[in-house]
Amino acid sequence: MKYIQFLALVLTTLALVPAGAHLLELANKMELAETDYFIVQTIYRGWALLGTVTIAALLANLTLAIATRGQGPAFAFAVLAFVCMAASLAVFFAFTYPANVATENWTAIPAGWEALRWKWEMSHAAGALITFVAFCATALSVLSARR
């Protein structure tokens, strides 16, 4: 059980790192002009691999929920963490990914790019907040589980 708890906590934390980075840079990036914004977006090349961490955190929290079944709060918090990780993926695929496709991963500037930027940035902010709730829920599950 301790290994499952550790893995769920570490993977959820690792999923929070890039999400938090997106949230913290939001205000500055929204002020950038078109050319500067598209230049800055190139720093995310390769970040798609971080999606595997989010999926791993989702599965780890599912495993934690199964392992804590019947433990009241520990189970409820693990389920909440799982649901939050699933919600963060839903936000990504509903809003972030379509913006990536429309801009060819921010290498092409389509008409109405500002609306795509807004969706991309706000969906990352929402994902970060949801992932933070998942992290808190995972931690609370670990803290409230029977030893």
Foldseek 3Di string as FASTA:
>chain_A
DVVLLVQLLVLLVLLLVVLVVLQVCLVVLLPDDLVVNLVVLVVCVPVVVNVVSLVSNLVSLVVQLVVQPPLPLLNVLSVLLNVLSVVLVVLCVVFQVVLCVVCVSSPRQDPPNSVSVVSNSVSSNVSSVSSVSSSVSSVRSVVSGDD
